[in-house]
Amino acid sequence: MSARTHPLPLWTRLAPFAGWLLLAGQYAGLGRAWQGLLLAGLLVGVLAAVHHAEVVAHRVGEPFGTLVLAGAITAIEVALIVTLMLSGGSAASMLARDTLFATVMIILNGIVGLCLLAGGQRFGEQRFSLMGASAALSTLAAIVSLTLILPNYTTTVSGPLYNPRQLAFVAVASVTLYAAFVFVQTVRHRDYFLPEIGEANESLHAPPPSWRVALISLACLIVGLGAVVLLAKAISPLIESGVAAIGAPRALVGVIIAVIVLLPEGLAALRAARANRLQTSLNLALGSALASIGLSIPAVALVSIARGWPLTLGIDAKSTVLLLLSFLIATLTLGNGRTTILQGMVHLVLFATYLFLTVIP
């Protein structure tokens, strides 16, 4: 049934504001025991964000709908990274690199792998637009190579760094590539990213929600995503203590927080795959990865250049191997327009390898 005949559930409207109330209690100094409620509020906020994103996506249609969630999360992710950089100073020079690398690996292997496995298990074989997936994957590979691999091989400054002029050029290149992709996705070759005719999608047959309901959902989505990211930051001490208790490297903290921040997109993509809407699922996953890299790099580059701080972008050799292997497997996976559970399992094994080597480097 559509949101026109059934108003938005009450809990989805209250959850975003409840998250901000929990944050207010945290900043009021209600103590460590409050963090249990913060975690509960975080999980409920994620589920509410997924619901509101799907309402808005149904109203605006594909492929614009998949840009809603990716754009909202990326904007908040950028704001969070920049805020932590400003508070941490030059000591946070590797924060952007670690966060963006984790984001790419989580999306390219974790979310995509889980969607392919779940969809394949339920429907056997799923189809998608080869041209759309290839366009997204090639653009993502170019941006990631420029930002996370190439800095290791420049010679103007030593280390995995760009000098200010190089950093400015790469920032402009990233924005240009992302803008070109969005133009192709929404205007020039929009049909590459649309679901196939006859694809099993009950939302295609249900009437879309009214604009009033969609605007309410959009407002709740923005408010809720802000609460989700700040709640993830607020419970980071709890995560840090848990990571320290098991003797894992601090890098695992960033991975866990990235997973939490990406939960709305991940759940939305998974639900689309389980509804036999693999094209929508891939639009969400690859589009969010592109937005994260293409928009975060210019923002952190601007902060770095303005403050005169070094910005470490190049990843180490082990991470480079994992990243290149991930793109190679993704190219083979998305190279013929159809997938099965085998491709999903391969991506999930790569993701498990990434997590294992993060804990035991």
Protein backbone atom coordinates (compact mmCIF):
# COMPACT_ATOMS: atom_id res chain seq x y z
CA MET A 1 0.00 0.00 0.00
CA SER A 2 1.19 3.52 -0.66
CA ALA A 3 2.01 6.23 1.82
CA ARG A 4 -0.96 8.17 0.37
CA THR A 5 -3.46 5.81 2.01
CA HIS A 6 -1.31 4.86 4.99
CA PRO A 7 0.44 7.80 6.69
CA LEU A 8 4.01 7.39 7.81
CA PRO A 9 4.24 5.15 10.89
CA LEU A 10 4.49 7.15 14.08
CA TRP A 11 7.77 5.56 15.16
CA THR A 12 9.49 6.62 11.93
CA ARG A 13 8.51 10.24 12.58
CA LEU A 14 9.55 10.18 16.24
CA ALA A 15 12.83 8.28 15.85
CA PRO A 16 14.89 11.15 14.34
CA PHE A 17 13.92 13.56 17.11
CA ALA A 18 14.37 10.89 19.78
CA GLY A 19 17.94 10.52 18.55
CA TRP A 20 18.61 14.22 19.09
CA LEU A 21 17.06 14.03 22.58
CA LEU A 22 19.41 11.16 23.42
CA LEU A 23 22.33 13.24 22.18
CA ALA A 24 21.21 16.13 24.37
CA GLY A 25 21.20 13.80 27.36
CA GLN A 26 24.69 12.59 26.46
CA TYR A 27 26.08 16.12 26.27
CA ALA A 28 24.33 16.95 29.54
CA GLY A 29 26.62 14.41 31.18
CA LEU A 30 24.18 11.64 32.08
CA GLY A 31 27.02 9.14 32.31
CA ARG A 32 28.37 6.02 30.66
CA ALA A 33 25.22 3.99 31.31
CA TRP A 34 23.44 6.33 28.87
CA GLN A 35 25.46 4.83 26.01
CA GLY A 36 23.26 1.73 26.00
CA LEU A 37 20.29 3.92 25.11
CA LEU A 38 22.41 5.70 22.51
CA LEU A 39 23.10 2.39 20.79
CA ALA A 40 19.39 1.50 20.79
CA GLY A 41 18.53 4.95 19.44
CA LEU A 42 21.15 4.53 16.74
CA LEU A 43 19.70 1.25 15.49
CA VAL A 44 16.13 2.58 15.49
CA GLY A 45 17.33 5.74 13.71
CA VAL A 46 18.93 3.65 10.98
CA LEU A 47 15.72 1.71 10.36
CA ALA A 48 13.71 4.94 10.26
CA ALA A 49 16.16 6.48 7.78
CA VAL A 50 15.77 3.49 5.45
CA HIS A 51 11.99 3.82 5.56
CA HIS A 52 12.01 7.56 4.77
CA ALA A 53 14.56 7.12 1.98
CA GLU A 54 12.35 4.52 0.30
CA VAL A 55 9.30 6.80 0.54
CA VAL A 56 11.18 9.67 -1.12
CA ALA A 57 12.69 7.36 -3.75
CA HIS A 58 9.24 6.03 -4.64
CA ARG A 59 7.95 9.57 -5.11
CA VAL A 60 10.77 10.88 -7.35
CA GLY A 61 11.37 7.61 -9.20
CA GLU A 62 14.56 6.08 -10.54
CA PRO A 63 17.36 6.92 -10.86
CA PHE A 64 16.82 10.11 -8.85
CA GLY A 65 15.52 8.18 -5.86
CA THR A 66 18.81 6.39 -5.29
CA LEU A 67 20.62 9.74 -5.21
CA VAL A 68 18.56 10.89 -2.22
CA LEU A 69 20.06 8.54 0.35
CA ALA A 70 23.58 8.64 -1.12
CA GLY A 71 23.61 12.44 -1.19
CA ALA A 72 22.27 12.86 2.34
CA ILE A 73 24.68 10.39 3.91
CA THR A 74 27.66 11.76 1.98
CA ALA A 75 26.94 15.32 3.05
CA ILE A 76 26.82 14.30 6.70
CA GLU A 77 29.88 12.06 6.31
CA VAL A 78 31.85 14.97 4.85
CA ALA A 79 30.73 17.25 7.67
CA LEU A 80 31.80 14.63 10.24
CA ILE A 81 35.25 14.13 8.68
CA VAL A 82 35.86 17.88 8.40
CA THR A 83 34.72 18.44 11.99
CA LEU A 84 37.08 15.74 13.29
CA MET A 85 39.92 17.17 11.20
CA LEU A 86 39.37 20.66 12.58
CA SER A 87 39.27 19.35 16.15
CA GLY A 88 42.18 16.95 15.71
CA GLY A 89 44.47 19.25 13.72
CA SER A 90 47.42 17.84 11.82
CA ALA A 91 47.26 14.70 13.99
CA ALA A 92 44.16 13.69 12.00
CA SER A 93 46.00 13.70 8.67
CA MET A 94 45.18 10.03 7.99
CA LEU A 95 41.53 10.21 9.07
CA ALA A 96 40.11 10.91 5.62
CA ARG A 97 42.18 8.16 3.98
CA ASP A 98 41.19 5.52 6.51
CA THR A 99 37.51 6.49 6.41
CA LEU A 100 37.27 6.58 2.61
CA PHE A 101 39.18 3.31 2.15
CA ALA A 102 36.89 1.62 4.67
CA THR A 103 33.84 3.05 2.89
CA VAL A 104 34.93 1.72 -0.50
CA MET A 105 35.73 -1.75 0.84
CA ILE A 106 32.48 -1.95 2.82
CA ILE A 107 30.38 -0.94 -0.18
CA LEU A 108 32.26 -2.72 -2.96
CA ASN A 109 32.60 -6.04 -1.13
CA GLY A 110 30.36 -6.03 1.94
CA ILE A 111 27.15 -4.41 0.69
CA VAL A 112 27.40 -5.57 -2.93
CA GLY A 113 28.35 -9.09 -1.85
CA LEU A 114 25.49 -9.37 0.62
CA CYS A 115 22.99 -8.06 -1.95
CA LEU A 116 24.14 -10.50 -4.63
CA LEU A 117 24.06 -13.41 -2.18
CA ALA A 118 20.62 -12.56 -0.80
CA GLY A 119 19.12 -11.89 -4.23
CA GLY A 120 20.70 -14.94 -5.80
CA GLN A 121 19.57 -17.21 -2.99
CA ARG A 122 16.00 -16.02 -3.43
CA PHE A 123 15.72 -15.73 -7.22
CA GLY A 124 18.55 -17.87 -8.56
CA GLU A 125 19.83 -15.40 -11.17
CA GLN A 126 19.33 -11.64 -11.26
CA ARG A 127 19.81 -9.21 -14.13
CA PHE A 128 20.85 -5.56 -14.26
CA SER A 129 21.96 -2.94 -16.79
CA LEU A 130 25.50 -3.70 -17.89
CA MET A 131 26.05 -0.15 -19.18
CA GLY A 132 24.98 1.47 -15.92
CA ALA A 133 27.15 -0.74 -13.73
CA SER A 134 30.16 -0.33 -16.04
CA ALA A 135 29.81 3.46 -16.03
CA ALA A 136 29.68 3.58 -12.23
CA LEU A 137 32.52 1.10 -11.74
CA SER A 138 34.90 2.78 -14.20
CA THR A 139 34.29 6.21 -12.67
CA LEU A 140 34.80 4.85 -9.16
CA ALA A 141 38.04 3.10 -10.18
CA ALA A 142 39.43 6.34 -11.64
CA ILE A 143 38.60 8.46 -8.59
CA VAL A 144 39.88 5.88 -6.11
CA SER A 145 43.15 5.42 -8.03
CA LEU A 146 43.77 9.17 -8.15
CA THR A 147 43.06 9.66 -4.46
CA LEU A 148 44.25 6.52 -2.65
CA ILE A 149 46.93 4.94 -4.88
CA LEU A 150 48.66 7.60 -6.99
CA PRO A 151 49.94 9.66 -3.98
CA ASN A 152 52.33 6.80 -3.19
CA TYR A 153 54.17 7.35 -6.49
CA THR A 154 54.50 11.13 -6.80
CA THR A 155 57.97 12.57 -6.13
CA THR A 156 57.44 16.27 -5.36
CA VAL A 157 57.12 15.47 -1.65
CA SER A 158 58.15 12.30 0.14
CA GLY A 159 55.59 9.91 1.53
CA PRO A 160 52.01 9.13 0.48
CA LEU A 161 51.23 12.82 0.10
CA TYR A 162 50.29 15.35 -2.56
CA ASN A 163 51.67 18.87 -2.45
CA PRO A 164 49.02 21.64 -2.33
CA ARG A 165 48.87 22.12 -6.12
CA GLN A 166 48.60 18.40 -6.77
CA LEU A 167 45.95 18.06 -4.07
CA ALA A 168 43.92 20.90 -5.59
CA PHE A 169 44.13 19.29 -9.04
CA VAL A 170 42.98 15.89 -7.75
CA ALA A 171 40.13 17.54 -5.83
CA VAL A 172 38.90 19.25 -9.01
CA ALA A 173 39.32 16.02 -10.99
CA SER A 174 37.24 14.11 -8.41
CA VAL A 175 34.40 16.62 -8.52
CA THR A 176 34.51 16.69 -12.33
CA LEU A 177 34.29 12.91 -12.63
CA TYR A 178 31.44 12.69 -10.11
CA ALA A 179 29.51 15.52 -11.79
CA ALA A 180 29.92 13.82 -15.17
CA PHE A 181 28.61 10.56 -13.73
CA VAL A 182 25.55 12.25 -12.18
CA PHE A 183 24.83 13.99 -15.52
CA VAL A 184 25.00 10.67 -17.36
CA GLN A 185 22.90 8.93 -14.69
CA THR A 186 20.13 11.50 -14.52
CA VAL A 187 20.09 13.17 -17.96
CA ARG A 188 22.15 11.90 -20.87
CA HIS A 189 21.84 8.12 -20.40
CA ARG A 190 19.23 7.82 -17.70
CA ASP A 191 17.92 4.58 -19.22
CA TYR A 192 21.18 2.83 -18.27
CA PHE A 193 20.18 3.06 -14.60
CA LEU A 194 16.48 2.24 -14.83
CA PRO A 195 15.05 -1.16 -13.78
CA GLU A 196 14.21 -3.52 -16.60
CA ILE A 197 10.62 -3.61 -17.79
CA GLY A 198 8.85 -6.48 -16.11
CA GLU A 199 11.29 -6.58 -13.21
CA ALA A 200 9.62 -7.88 -10.05
CA ASN A 201 8.97 -4.68 -8.15
CA GLU A 202 5.71 -4.22 -6.33
CA SER A 203 6.43 -0.51 -5.83
CA LEU A 204 6.11 -0.02 -9.61
CA HIS A 205 2.46 -1.01 -9.35
CA ALA A 206 1.66 0.88 -6.14
CA PRO A 207 0.70 4.55 -6.46
CA PRO A 208 3.49 6.87 -5.27
CA PRO A 209 3.08 8.81 -2.02
CA SER A 210 1.85 12.38 -2.17
CA TRP A 211 4.37 15.21 -2.32
CA ARG A 212 3.32 16.23 1.20
CA VAL A 213 4.23 12.80 2.57
CA ALA A 214 7.43 12.73 0.54
CA LEU A 215 8.52 16.13 1.87
CA ILE A 216 7.81 15.03 5.45
CA SER A 217 9.91 11.93 4.84
CA LEU A 218 12.71 14.01 3.31
CA ALA A 219 12.80 16.29 6.36
CA CYS A 220 12.77 13.29 8.72
CA LEU A 221 15.51 11.66 6.63
CA ILE A 222 17.83 14.66 6.91
CA VAL A 223 17.17 15.10 10.63
CA GLY A 224 17.52 11.39 11.25
CA LEU A 225 20.77 10.96 9.32
CA GLY A 226 22.33 13.80 11.30
CA ALA A 227 21.36 12.03 14.51
CA VAL A 228 22.68 8.69 13.23
CA VAL A 229 26.14 10.05 12.46
CA LEU A 230 26.40 11.99 15.74
CA LEU A 231 25.13 9.00 17.71
CA ALA A 232 27.81 6.87 16.05
CA LYS A 233 30.39 9.43 17.11
CA ALA A 234 28.96 9.59 20.64
CA ILE A 235 29.25 5.84 21.19
CA SER A 236 32.79 5.74 19.77
CA PRO A 237 34.30 5.61 23.31
CA LEU A 238 32.28 2.45 23.95
CA ILE A 239 33.51 1.01 20.65
CA GLU A 240 37.10 2.02 21.41
CA SER A 241 37.03 0.30 24.79
CA GLY A 242 35.60 -2.84 23.21
CA VAL A 243 38.27 -2.83 20.50
CA ALA A 244 41.00 -2.30 23.09
CA ALA A 245 39.59 -5.13 25.21
CA ILE A 246 40.11 -7.62 22.38
CA GLY A 247 43.55 -6.23 21.59
CA ALA A 248 42.66 -5.09 18.03
CA PRO A 249 44.27 -2.09 16.26
CA ARG A 250 42.57 1.31 16.55
CA ALA A 251 41.89 1.20 12.81
CA LEU A 252 39.03 -1.19 13.59
CA VAL A 253 37.18 1.65 15.35
CA GLY A 254 36.96 3.56 12.08
CA VAL A 255 35.69 0.48 10.28
CA ILE A 256 32.95 -0.11 12.86
CA ILE A 257 31.79 3.50 12.74
CA ALA A 258 31.83 3.42 8.92
CA VAL A 259 29.65 0.30 8.99
CA ILE A 260 27.16 2.04 11.28
CA VAL A 261 27.04 5.17 9.12
CA LEU A 262 26.52 3.07 5.97
CA LEU A 263 23.77 0.94 7.51
CA PRO A 264 20.90 2.98 5.99
CA GLU A 265 22.29 2.57 2.48
CA GLY A 266 23.20 -1.05 3.10
CA LEU A 267 19.75 -1.99 4.36
CA ALA A 268 18.02 -0.12 1.52
CA ALA A 269 20.22 -1.87 -1.05
CA LEU A 270 19.61 -5.26 0.57
CA ARG A 271 15.85 -4.78 0.60
CA ALA A 272 15.95 -3.83 -3.08
CA ALA A 273 17.97 -6.95 -3.95
CA ARG A 274 15.57 -9.19 -2.00
CA ALA A 275 12.69 -7.62 -3.96
CA ASN A 276 14.46 -8.58 -7.22
CA ARG A 277 15.39 -4.96 -7.91
CA LEU A 278 19.12 -5.51 -8.37
CA GLN A 279 19.50 -2.45 -10.58
CA THR A 280 18.23 -0.21 -7.78
CA SER A 281 20.47 -2.05 -5.33
CA LEU A 282 23.57 -1.44 -7.45
CA ASN A 283 22.57 2.18 -8.04
CA LEU A 284 22.48 2.68 -4.28
CA ALA A 285 25.74 0.89 -3.53
CA LEU A 286 27.98 2.16 -6.34
CA GLY A 287 26.40 5.61 -6.32
CA SER A 288 27.07 6.06 -2.61
CA ALA A 289 30.69 4.98 -3.04
CA LEU A 290 31.13 7.50 -5.83
CA ALA A 291 29.53 10.28 -3.81
CA SER A 292 31.66 9.49 -0.75
CA ILE A 293 34.94 9.69 -2.66
CA GLY A 294 34.03 12.35 -5.20
CA LEU A 295 32.68 14.83 -2.66
CA SER A 296 34.75 14.05 0.45
CA ILE A 297 38.15 14.54 -1.18
CA PRO A 298 37.48 18.15 -2.30
CA ALA A 299 36.16 19.03 1.16
CA VAL A 300 39.11 17.61 3.09
CA ALA A 301 41.54 18.99 0.50
CA LEU A 302 40.13 22.47 1.06
CA VAL A 303 40.60 22.15 4.82
CA SER A 304 44.11 20.78 4.39
CA ILE A 305 45.23 23.54 2.02
CA ALA A 306 43.58 26.32 4.04
CA ARG A 307 45.15 25.14 7.32
CA GLY A 308 48.49 24.10 5.84
CA TRP A 309 48.13 20.57 7.22
CA PRO A 310 49.56 17.51 5.47
CA LEU A 311 46.91 15.15 4.14
CA THR A 312 48.01 11.53 3.99
CA LEU A 313 46.03 9.85 1.22
CA GLY A 314 48.11 6.95 -0.10
CA ILE A 315 47.24 3.52 1.28
CA ASP A 316 49.89 0.89 2.09
CA ALA A 317 50.88 -2.05 -0.13
CA LYS A 318 48.57 -4.55 1.57
CA SER A 319 45.57 -2.26 1.20
CA THR A 320 46.49 -1.53 -2.42
CA VAL A 321 46.47 -5.25 -3.25
CA LEU A 322 43.06 -5.68 -1.61
CA LEU A 323 41.67 -2.62 -3.39
CA LEU A 324 42.92 -3.66 -6.83
CA LEU A 325 41.69 -7.21 -6.30
CA SER A 326 38.28 -5.86 -5.30
CA PHE A 327 38.00 -3.82 -8.50
CA LEU A 328 39.17 -6.76 -10.61
CA ILE A 329 36.55 -9.07 -9.07
CA ALA A 330 33.85 -6.37 -9.32
CA THR A 331 34.66 -5.91 -13.01
CA LEU A 332 34.23 -9.64 -13.62
CA THR A 333 31.11 -9.80 -11.45
CA LEU A 334 29.36 -6.92 -13.23
CA GLY A 335 30.71 -7.76 -16.67
CA ASN A 336 27.80 -9.70 -18.18
CA GLY A 337 24.62 -8.20 -16.74
CA ARG A 338 23.63 -11.15 -14.55
CA THR A 339 24.70 -12.47 -11.15
CA THR A 340 24.30 -15.54 -8.94
CA ILE A 341 25.14 -16.41 -5.35
CA LEU A 342 28.72 -17.32 -6.39
CA GLN A 343 29.66 -13.70 -7.12
CA GLY A 344 28.10 -12.62 -3.84
CA MET A 345 30.11 -15.19 -1.92
CA VAL A 346 33.37 -14.12 -3.60
CA HIS A 347 32.80 -10.48 -2.60
CA LEU A 348 31.91 -11.44 0.95
CA VAL A 349 35.08 -13.53 1.30
CA LEU A 350 37.12 -10.52 0.14
CA PHE A 351 35.31 -8.37 2.68
CA ALA A 352 36.02 -10.92 5.43
CA THR A 353 39.70 -10.88 4.38
CA TYR A 354 39.75 -7.09 4.67
CA LEU A 355 38.23 -7.23 8.16
CA PHE A 356 40.58 -10.02 9.25
CA LEU A 357 43.67 -8.14 8.10
CA THR A 358 42.41 -4.98 9.78
CA VAL A 359 42.26 -6.83 13.10
CA ILE A 360 45.42 -8.87 12.51
CA PRO A 361 47.53 -6.79 10.12
